[in-house]
Protein backbone atom coordinates (compact mmCIF):
# COMPACT_ATOMS: atom_id res chain seq x y z
CA VAL A 1 12.48 5.72 8.55
CA GLN A 2 13.38 4.53 5.05
CA LEU A 3 10.81 2.61 3.09
CA VAL A 4 11.55 1.17 -0.19
CA GLU A 5 8.71 0.15 -2.64
CA SER A 6 9.41 -2.32 -5.32
CA GLY A 7 7.37 -4.74 -7.73
CA GLY A 8 5.80 -2.24 -10.05
CA GLY A 9 5.62 -2.67 -13.82
CA SER A 10 3.61 -2.92 -16.74
CA VAL A 11 0.88 -5.51 -17.31
CA GLN A 12 -2.16 -6.09 -19.29
CA ALA A 13 -5.65 -5.80 -17.79
CA GLY A 14 -6.54 -8.83 -15.85
CA GLY A 15 -2.96 -9.55 -14.75
CA SER A 16 -1.37 -9.39 -11.40
CA LEU A 17 1.37 -7.81 -9.69
CA ARG A 18 2.75 -7.96 -6.11
CA LEU A 19 4.22 -4.85 -4.55
CA SER A 20 6.71 -4.89 -1.72
CA CYS A 21 7.33 -2.37 0.89
CA ALA A 22 10.53 -3.07 2.75
CA ALA A 23 11.66 -1.14 5.85
CA ALA A 24 15.25 -0.06 6.88
CA SER A 25 16.85 -2.84 8.78
CA ARG A 26 16.49 -1.21 12.19
CA PHE A 27 12.81 -0.34 11.78
CA SER A 28 10.15 -2.88 12.69
CA PHE A 29 6.62 -2.83 11.48
CA ASP A 30 5.46 -3.98 14.88
CA ASP A 31 2.67 -1.74 16.42
CA GLN A 32 2.41 0.32 13.28
CA ILE A 33 -0.14 1.05 10.66
CA ILE A 34 1.06 0.45 7.08
CA GLY A 35 -0.80 2.01 4.21
CA TRP A 36 -0.77 1.67 0.47
CA PHE A 37 -1.68 4.70 -1.60
CA ARG A 38 -1.68 5.51 -5.22
CA GLN A 39 -1.51 8.78 -7.12
CA VAL A 40 -1.90 9.74 -10.76
CA PRO A 41 -0.76 13.15 -12.02
CA GLY A 42 -3.19 15.99 -11.30
CA LYS A 43 -5.12 13.93 -8.73
CA GLU A 44 -5.01 13.60 -5.03
CA ARG A 45 -3.40 10.65 -3.34
CA GLU A 46 -5.87 7.91 -2.88
CA GLY A 47 -5.75 5.38 -0.01
CA VAL A 48 -5.96 1.85 -1.33
CA SER A 49 -5.25 -0.47 1.65
CA CYS A 50 -3.92 -0.48 5.11
CA MET A 51 -3.26 -2.85 7.85
CA SER A 52 -2.72 -2.43 11.60
CA THR A 53 0.03 -4.77 13.11
CA ILE A 54 -1.42 -4.46 16.53
CA ASP A 55 -4.88 -5.99 15.74
CA ASP A 56 -4.21 -7.29 12.23
CA ASN A 57 -7.23 -5.34 10.91
CA THR A 58 -7.00 -4.65 7.17
CA TYR A 59 -8.78 -2.04 5.20
CA TYR A 60 -9.46 -1.63 1.44
CA SER A 61 -11.00 1.12 -0.81
CA ASP A 62 -14.12 0.00 -2.43
CA SER A 63 -12.35 0.24 -5.84
CA VAL A 64 -9.96 -2.53 -5.02
CA LYS A 65 -11.73 -4.65 -2.47
CA GLY A 66 -11.83 -8.32 -3.51
CA ARG A 67 -9.01 -7.63 -5.97
CA PHE A 68 -6.04 -6.57 -3.71
CA THR A 69 -4.61 -7.93 -0.70
CA ILE A 70 -2.33 -6.43 2.00
CA SER A 71 -0.13 -8.72 3.91
CA ARG A 72 3.06 -8.72 5.95
CA ASP A 73 6.12 -10.96 6.40
CA SER A 74 7.57 -10.17 9.81
CA ALA A 75 10.76 -12.25 9.23
CA LYS A 76 11.59 -10.27 6.10
CA ASN A 77 10.25 -6.95 7.48
CA THR A 78 8.33 -6.28 4.57
CA VAL A 79 4.57 -5.63 3.65
CA TYR A 80 3.07 -6.69 0.49
CA LEU A 81 0.16 -5.66 -1.81
CA GLN A 82 -1.08 -8.32 -4.02
CA MET A 83 -2.96 -6.90 -6.98
CA ASN A 84 -5.09 -9.38 -9.03
CA ASN A 85 -7.50 -8.72 -11.88
CA LEU A 86 -5.90 -5.30 -12.57
CA LYS A 87 -7.65 -2.72 -14.49
CA ALA A 88 -6.63 0.22 -16.64
CA GLU A 89 -7.87 2.53 -13.77
CA ASP A 90 -5.39 0.92 -11.32
CA THR A 91 -2.44 2.70 -13.28
CA ALA A 92 -0.76 4.95 -10.93
CA MET A 93 2.38 5.51 -8.72
CA TYR A 94 1.95 3.45 -5.75
CA TYR A 95 3.42 4.43 -2.27
CA CYS A 96 3.67 2.61 1.13
CA ALA A 97 3.56 4.66 4.29
CA VAL A 98 3.83 3.97 7.98
CA GLY A 99 2.31 5.75 10.98
CA GLU A 100 1.59 5.02 14.64
CA ASP A 101 -1.85 6.62 15.32
CA GLN A 102 -4.39 3.87 15.34
CA VAL A 103 -7.15 5.99 16.68
CA LEU A 104 -10.28 5.77 14.68
CA LEU A 105 -8.25 3.91 12.09
CA SER A 106 -11.25 2.51 10.32
CA ARG A 107 -12.37 6.13 9.58
CA PHE A 108 -9.08 7.73 8.82
CA TRP A 109 -6.82 5.05 7.28
CA MET A 110 -7.31 6.46 3.82
CA LEU A 111 -6.11 9.85 4.78
CA PRO A 112 -2.40 10.68 3.92
CA GLU A 113 -2.03 12.70 7.16
CA THR A 114 -2.43 9.65 9.13
CA TYR A 115 0.79 8.38 8.19
CA GLU A 116 4.26 9.83 9.14
CA PHE A 117 6.75 8.15 6.75
CA TRP A 118 6.48 7.41 3.03
CA GLY A 119 8.46 5.58 0.40
CA GLN A 120 9.43 6.96 -2.89
CA GLY A 121 6.80 4.91 -4.93
CA THR A 122 6.76 2.32 -7.60
CA GLN A 123 4.91 2.73 -10.86
CA VAL A 124 2.13 0.55 -11.97
CA THR A 125 0.82 0.74 -15.51
CA VAL A 126 -2.14 -1.39 -16.64
CA SER A 127 -2.92 -1.56 -20.38
CA SER A 128 -6.26 -2.34 -21.60
C-alpha cells in the first residue's frame, strides 16, 4: 500500500496548514484506521490523531486536541489533517499510516505498531 503525504511547509506560530494523505489508486480507506503521527529527531514517533472509517470515531492527542482535525474525502481517497493555531512544538516530520486492527482502538490508536503501512512523511516547521 502506497501512502503519500503532502501539505507540509513552514509557517509562523498561530498559522495553519492542511496535510493530505493520498492512497494509491487501488487502495481504499474503507474499513481502515488512518493515523497521523509526528516525529522529531531523537524522539519517538508520537500519535497525533486517528480516525476509523468503520464507525467514524476520531481520536486526538491532548497536545493537539481543539487545534487539529482529521477528516476524509472518500471521492478523492484522501485523508486530511487540518492544523490550526500551530505552535513551535508542532514542528516535526508528519506521517500518515493505515491499519486494519480496530480492537480497543481507543487505547491503542497512538501506538505505531497498530498500523501496517506508512507514508514517507512531510515536514512541518513552525517558527515562533
